[in-house]
Every structure is written in structure tokens, then in C-alpha cells.
Amino acid sequence: MIERLREEFGHWEFDLVIGSKTKDDNVLLTMLERKTREFLMIPVANKEASTISNALMSLRNRYIEHFDEVFKTITTDNGSGFADLSQIESVAKTLVYYAYLYTSCEKGSVERHNGLIRRFIPKGKRIDQFSIQAIADVETWCNSFPQKISDYRTPDELFEEELDKIYQLDVA
């Protein structure tokens, strides 16, 4: 599978980060692009499948006609929050893969980044106590960190280069 090799842009890992284990707290939909290691965090009201699908549809609107190129595949766990992701397959060319049960290593990069954000958003702390700006600051921190594996370039730099390639095709 080419998405495992990190050679092609557009293969994503998704997960949910839960703050407190109460039903009235927000959760974070976390997403990581495998090649560039760009990390996105979207606060959502709950972990219900319809809420997660709506967040993904909003993300689709952000990339409009290029969504299929930016999101070629999504790998996630079998949690109930991701039960409706097949809906995205019906409106886009994005393929959705589900990791085997209890095999979070199949989406290890997003799991690692979830661990990084715990420095700022500890377990048990309500996510709705953090402002949108505070969450954006954590995302920026993750994406601005130069990585040795990328010749000390940042995920933001690599992601922007890939987007430039996609959008350049429109101009040509």
C-alpha cells in the first residue's frame, strides 16, 4: 500500500482526543497527513458519528474541488465516531480504511501527535475550557517544529509545497 510508504501526498490518519469523559465536553478531531506530517485539530461538540461527518464535510468545503487530491485516503480506528465516514466516499474519491481492533500502531503518527498535544491539553481537562486560539496555537507549534527526517523542514513548509503543486495544475 503506497500510503504506508509516505511517498505520495494525500494519505491521512484520523483520531479523536477526549478531554474529560463527560458527554457534554467537546472532543478534538485530529488528522495527520503521512508524507508531510501536517497535523490538523478541529474541536467538535461530541464524538457522535454525525458530528464527525459534519466536521469532515466542512473541511471538504475548505479545499473544494481539490479535496480528492488533498485527502486521497483516511485511516482511522473503529470508534463509533468514525462510523459514518463512508459518507465521504460517496461524495468524494477519498477511500476510508479502518485499522484492526486494538492496533493503534496502524495510525501511529497521529497517535504520537496526540501525545504531543497532551503537553498543552492534559487528559481529564475539559477541551471546551481551551479557546479556539489556544487550540490553534498547539496546532501551529506541532506544524512549525523542524524535523530531522524532513531535512529539518517543517510540516507546514512541506504541506504548502504539496498544495502549491496541486493548485499549480489549475493555472497550467
C-alpha atoms as a PDB file:
ATOM      1  CA  MET A   1       0.000   0.000   0.000  1.00  0.00           C
ATOM      2  CA  ILE A   2       1.515   3.273  -1.140  1.00  0.00           C
ATOM      3  CA  GLU A   3       0.091   5.248   1.795  1.00  0.00           C
ATOM      4  CA  ARG A   4       2.312   3.229   4.150  1.00  0.00           C
ATOM      5  CA  LEU A   5       5.471   4.364   2.334  1.00  0.00           C
ATOM      6  CA  ARG A   6       4.937   8.132   2.852  1.00  0.00           C
ATOM      7  CA  GLU A   7       5.966   8.761  -0.758  1.00  0.00           C
ATOM      8  CA  GLU A   8       2.673  10.151  -2.014  1.00  0.00           C
ATOM      9  CA  PHE A   9       0.816  13.153  -0.654  1.00  0.00           C
ATOM     10  CA  GLY A  10      -2.786  12.870   0.484  1.00  0.00           C
ATOM     11  CA  HIS A  11      -2.878   9.932   2.886  1.00  0.00           C
ATOM     12  CA  TRP A  12      -4.238  10.839   6.325  1.00  0.00           C
ATOM     13  CA  GLU A  13      -4.591   9.293   9.774  1.00  0.00           C
ATOM     14  CA  PHE A  14      -7.578  10.410  11.890  1.00  0.00           C
ATOM     15  CA  ASP A  15      -8.268  10.085  15.599  1.00  0.00           C
ATOM     16  CA  LEU A  16     -10.258  11.682  18.409  1.00  0.00           C
ATOM     17  CA  VAL A  17      -8.780  13.244  21.542  1.00  0.00           C
ATOM     18  CA  ILE A  18     -11.105  13.275  24.516  1.00  0.00           C
ATOM     19  CA  GLY A  19     -10.608  15.680  27.401  1.00  0.00           C
ATOM     20  CA  SER A  20     -12.887  14.816  30.269  1.00  0.00           C
ATOM     21  CA  LYS A  21     -15.053  11.755  29.962  1.00  0.00           C
ATOM     22  CA  THR A  22     -18.313  13.662  30.224  1.00  0.00           C
ATOM     23  CA  LYS A  23     -20.879  13.699  27.449  1.00  0.00           C
ATOM     24  CA  ASP A  24     -21.131  17.488  27.397  1.00  0.00           C
ATOM     25  CA  ASP A  25     -17.436  18.174  26.658  1.00  0.00           C
ATOM     26  CA  ASN A  26     -16.000  18.879  23.220  1.00  0.00           C
ATOM     27  CA  VAL A  27     -13.541  16.494  21.592  1.00  0.00           C
ATOM     28  CA  LEU A  28     -10.729  17.158  19.136  1.00  0.00           C
ATOM     29  CA  LEU A  29     -10.765  15.582  15.710  1.00  0.00           C
ATOM     30  CA  THR A  30      -7.057  15.151  14.957  1.00  0.00           C
ATOM     31  CA  MET A  31      -5.685  14.488  11.490  1.00  0.00           C
ATOM     32  CA  LEU A  32      -2.164  13.904  10.229  1.00  0.00           C
ATOM     33  CA  GLU A  33      -1.004  13.784   6.604  1.00  0.00           C
ATOM     34  CA  ARG A  34       1.544  10.984   6.375  1.00  0.00           C
ATOM     35  CA  LYS A  35       4.076  12.401   3.878  1.00  0.00           C
ATOM     36  CA  THR A  36       4.381  15.964   5.195  1.00  0.00           C
ATOM     37  CA  ARG A  37       3.311  15.188   8.779  1.00  0.00           C
ATOM     38  CA  GLU A  38       0.968  18.197   8.708  1.00  0.00           C
ATOM     39  CA  PHE A  39      -1.262  17.998  11.783  1.00  0.00           C
ATOM     40  CA  LEU A  40      -4.778  19.435  11.966  1.00  0.00           C
ATOM     41  CA  MET A  41      -7.026  19.718  15.020  1.00  0.00           C
ATOM     42  CA  ILE A  42     -10.721  20.539  14.819  1.00  0.00           C
ATOM     43  CA  PRO A  43     -12.734  20.980  18.013  1.00  0.00           C
ATOM     44  CA  VAL A  44     -16.145  19.336  17.660  1.00  0.00           C
ATOM     45  CA  ALA A  45     -19.110  19.252  20.025  1.00  0.00           C
ATOM     46  CA  ASN A  46     -19.054  15.497  20.689  1.00  0.00           C
ATOM     47  CA  LYS A  47     -17.793  12.193  19.324  1.00  0.00           C
ATOM     48  CA  GLU A  48     -21.010  11.193  17.565  1.00  0.00           C
ATOM     49  CA  ALA A  49     -20.629   9.964  14.002  1.00  0.00           C
ATOM     50  CA  SER A  50     -22.867  12.688  12.561  1.00  0.00           C
ATOM     51  CA  THR A  51     -20.802  15.418  14.253  1.00  0.00           C
ATOM     52  CA  ILE A  52     -17.543  13.982  12.904  1.00  0.00           C
ATOM     53  CA  SER A  53     -19.031  13.653   9.404  1.00  0.00           C
ATOM     54  CA  ASN A  54     -20.209  17.270   9.503  1.00  0.00           C
ATOM     55  CA  ALA A  55     -16.714  18.407  10.517  1.00  0.00           C
ATOM     56  CA  LEU A  56     -15.239  16.469   7.608  1.00  0.00           C
ATOM     57  CA  MET A  57     -17.758  17.997   5.199  1.00  0.00           C
ATOM     58  CA  SER A  58     -16.729  21.458   6.445  1.00  0.00           C
ATOM     59  CA  LEU A  59     -13.125  20.504   5.788  1.00  0.00           C
ATOM     60  CA  ARG A  60     -14.159  19.381   2.315  1.00  0.00           C
ATOM     61  CA  ASN A  61     -15.533  22.870   1.650  1.00  0.00           C
ATOM     62  CA  ARG A  62     -12.125  24.311   2.557  1.00  0.00           C
ATOM     63  CA  TYR A  63     -10.433  22.510  -0.326  1.00  0.00           C
ATOM     64  CA  ILE A  64     -13.472  22.465  -2.642  1.00  0.00           C
ATOM     65  CA  GLU A  65     -12.573  20.806  -5.970  1.00  0.00           C
ATOM     66  CA  HIS A  66      -9.148  19.665  -4.721  1.00  0.00           C
ATOM     67  CA  PHE A  67     -10.415  17.679  -1.739  1.00  0.00           C
ATOM     68  CA  ASP A  68      -9.873  14.379  -3.581  1.00  0.00           C
ATOM     69  CA  GLU A  69      -6.219  15.258  -4.160  1.00  0.00           C
ATOM     70  CA  VAL A  70      -5.569  16.522  -0.629  1.00  0.00           C
ATOM     71  CA  PHE A  71      -7.469  13.641   1.023  1.00  0.00           C
ATOM     72  CA  LYS A  72      -6.847  10.506  -1.061  1.00  0.00           C
ATOM     73  CA  THR A  73      -7.190   8.095   1.854  1.00  0.00           C
ATOM     74  CA  ILE A  74      -8.176   8.268   5.504  1.00  0.00           C
ATOM     75  CA  THR A  75      -7.091   5.640   8.029  1.00  0.00           C
ATOM     76  CA  THR A  76      -8.867   5.657  11.357  1.00  0.00           C
ATOM     77  CA  ASP A  77      -9.927   3.382  14.168  1.00  0.00           C
ATOM     78  CA  ASN A  78     -13.229   1.578  14.568  1.00  0.00           C
ATOM     79  CA  GLY A  79     -14.619   4.025  17.120  1.00  0.00           C
ATOM     80  CA  SER A  80     -18.276   4.919  16.835  1.00  0.00           C
ATOM     81  CA  GLY A  81     -17.347   8.492  15.923  1.00  0.00           C
ATOM     82  CA  PHE A  82     -15.966   7.305  12.597  1.00  0.00           C
ATOM     83  CA  ALA A  83     -18.879   5.031  11.674  1.00  0.00           C
ATOM     84  CA  ASP A  84     -20.285   7.441   9.054  1.00  0.00           C
ATOM     85  CA  LEU A  85     -17.029   8.191   7.245  1.00  0.00           C
ATOM     86  CA  SER A  86     -18.186   6.060   4.334  1.00  0.00           C
ATOM     87  CA  GLN A  87     -20.399   9.064   3.564  1.00  0.00           C
ATOM     88  CA  ILE A  88     -17.285  10.899   2.367  1.00  0.00           C
ATOM     89  CA  GLU A  89     -16.577   8.044  -0.056  1.00  0.00           C
ATOM     90  CA  SER A  90     -19.944   8.661  -1.691  1.00  0.00           C
ATOM     91  CA  VAL A  91     -19.284  12.377  -2.345  1.00  0.00           C
ATOM     92  CA  ALA A  92     -15.527  12.271  -2.989  1.00  0.00           C
ATOM     93  CA  LYS A  93     -12.934   9.858  -4.320  1.00  0.00           C
ATOM     94  CA  THR A  94     -11.459   9.551  -0.830  1.00  0.00           C
ATOM     95  CA  LEU A  95     -11.051   5.978   0.396  1.00  0.00           C
ATOM     96  CA  VAL A  96     -11.587   5.218   4.082  1.00  0.00           C
ATOM     97  CA  TYR A  97      -9.642   2.456   5.819  1.00  0.00           C
ATOM     98  CA  TYR A  98     -10.272   1.208   9.339  1.00  0.00           C
ATOM     99  CA  ALA A  99      -7.412  -0.083  11.482  1.00  0.00           C
ATOM    100  CA  TYR A 100      -7.703  -3.527  13.003  1.00  0.00           C
ATOM    101  CA  LEU A 101      -9.131  -3.590  16.513  1.00  0.00           C
ATOM    102  CA  TYR A 102      -6.593  -2.671  19.204  1.00  0.00           C
ATOM    103  CA  THR A 103      -3.959  -1.872  16.560  1.00  0.00           C
ATOM    104  CA  SER A 104      -3.384   1.832  17.028  1.00  0.00           C
ATOM    105  CA  CYS A 105       0.097   1.360  15.539  1.00  0.00           C
ATOM    106  CA  GLU A 106      -1.596   1.364  12.123  1.00  0.00           C
ATOM    107  CA  LYS A 107      -2.082   5.086  12.674  1.00  0.00           C
ATOM    108  CA  GLY A 108       0.940   5.645  14.850  1.00  0.00           C
ATOM    109  CA  SER A 109       1.830   9.126  13.585  1.00  0.00           C
ATOM    110  CA  VAL A 110      -1.441  10.698  14.657  1.00  0.00           C
ATOM    111  CA  GLU A 111      -1.223   8.820  17.963  1.00  0.00           C
ATOM    112  CA  ARG A 112       2.246  10.295  18.526  1.00  0.00           C
ATOM    113  CA  HIS A 113       0.966  13.801  17.831  1.00  0.00           C
ATOM    114  CA  ASN A 114      -1.958  13.228  20.180  1.00  0.00           C
ATOM    115  CA  GLY A 115       0.675  12.545  22.824  1.00  0.00           C
ATOM    116  CA  LEU A 116       2.422  15.805  21.955  1.00  0.00           C
ATOM    117  CA  ILE A 117      -0.737  17.861  22.397  1.00  0.00           C
ATOM    118  CA  ARG A 118      -1.200  16.353  25.856  1.00  0.00           C
ATOM    119  CA  ARG A 119       1.639  18.672  26.935  1.00  0.00           C
ATOM    120  CA  PHE A 120      -0.839  21.504  26.453  1.00  0.00           C
ATOM    121  CA  ILE A 121      -4.209  19.763  26.854  1.00  0.00           C
ATOM    122  CA  PRO A 122      -3.824  17.202  29.655  1.00  0.00           C
ATOM    123  CA  LYS A 123      -6.041  14.137  29.990  1.00  0.00           C
ATOM    124  CA  GLY A 124      -9.067  14.780  32.140  1.00  0.00           C
ATOM    125  CA  LYS A 125      -9.103  18.516  31.394  1.00  0.00           C
ATOM    126  CA  ARG A 126     -12.201  19.737  29.578  1.00  0.00           C
ATOM    127  CA  ILE A 127     -11.460  20.643  25.976  1.00  0.00           C
ATOM    128  CA  ASP A 128     -14.174  23.290  25.945  1.00  0.00           C
ATOM    129  CA  GLN A 129     -12.076  25.215  28.508  1.00  0.00           C
ATOM    130  CA  PHE A 130      -9.492  25.883  25.783  1.00  0.00           C
ATOM    131  CA  SER A 131     -10.122  28.725  23.362  1.00  0.00           C
ATOM    132  CA  ILE A 132     -10.055  28.214  19.615  1.00  0.00           C
ATOM    133  CA  GLN A 133      -6.895  30.342  19.620  1.00  0.00           C
ATOM    134  CA  ALA A 134      -5.220  28.119  22.232  1.00  0.00           C
ATOM    135  CA  ILE A 135      -6.005  25.030  20.147  1.00  0.00           C
ATOM    136  CA  ALA A 136      -4.726  26.786  17.008  1.00  0.00           C
ATOM    137  CA  ASP A 137      -1.521  27.668  18.868  1.00  0.00           C
ATOM    138  CA  VAL A 138      -0.937  23.988  19.706  1.00  0.00           C
ATOM    139  CA  GLU A 139      -1.536  23.052  16.062  1.00  0.00           C
ATOM    140  CA  THR A 140       0.901  25.766  14.930  1.00  0.00           C
ATOM    141  CA  TRP A 141       3.505  24.512  17.407  1.00  0.00           C
ATOM    142  CA  CYS A 142       3.222  20.968  16.021  1.00  0.00           C
ATOM    143  CA  ASN A 143       3.489  22.148  12.405  1.00  0.00           C
ATOM    144  CA  SER A 144       6.333  24.632  12.968  1.00  0.00           C
ATOM    145  CA  PHE A 145       8.747  22.157  14.507  1.00  0.00           C
ATOM    146  CA  PRO A 146      11.606  21.297  12.089  1.00  0.00           C
ATOM    147  CA  GLN A 147      12.030  17.547  11.752  1.00  0.00           C
ATOM    148  CA  LYS A 148      15.276  15.708  11.113  1.00  0.00           C
ATOM    149  CA  ILE A 149      13.514  13.137   8.924  1.00  0.00           C
ATOM    150  CA  SER A 150      12.473  16.014   6.616  1.00  0.00           C
ATOM    151  CA  ASP A 151      15.935  17.604   6.427  1.00  0.00           C
ATOM    152  CA  TYR A 152      14.909  19.979   9.220  1.00  0.00           C
ATOM    153  CA  ARG A 153      11.993  21.376   7.289  1.00  0.00           C
ATOM    154  CA  THR A 154       8.660  21.947   8.990  1.00  0.00           C
ATOM    155  CA  PRO A 155       5.418  20.122   8.234  1.00  0.00           C
ATOM    156  CA  ASP A 156       3.894  23.492   7.258  1.00  0.00           C
ATOM    157  CA  GLU A 157       6.598  24.068   4.632  1.00  0.00           C
ATOM    158  CA  LEU A 158       6.184  20.611   3.141  1.00  0.00           C
ATOM    159  CA  PHE A 159       2.379  20.795   3.184  1.00  0.00           C
ATOM    160  CA  GLU A 160       2.359  24.184   1.441  1.00  0.00           C
ATOM    161  CA  GLU A 161       4.696  22.827  -1.249  1.00  0.00           C
ATOM    162  CA  GLU A 162       2.328  19.935  -1.901  1.00  0.00           C
ATOM    163  CA  LEU A 163      -0.678  22.268  -2.062  1.00  0.00           C
ATOM    164  CA  ASP A 164       1.223  24.530  -4.471  1.00  0.00           C
ATOM    165  CA  LYS A 165       1.772  21.541  -6.779  1.00  0.00           C
ATOM    166  CA  ILE A 166      -1.945  20.737  -6.731  1.00  0.00           C
ATOM    167  CA  TYR A 167      -3.114  24.293  -7.285  1.00  0.00           C
ATOM    168  CA  GLN A 168      -0.448  24.918  -9.952  1.00  0.00           C
ATOM    169  CA  LEU A 169      -2.188  22.356 -12.129  1.00  0.00           C
ATOM    170  CA  ASP A 170      -5.174  24.744 -12.303  1.00  0.00           C
ATOM    171  CA  VAL A 171      -3.010  27.530 -13.729  1.00  0.00           C
ATOM    172  CA  ALA A 172      -1.253  25.373 -16.331  1.00  0.00           C
END
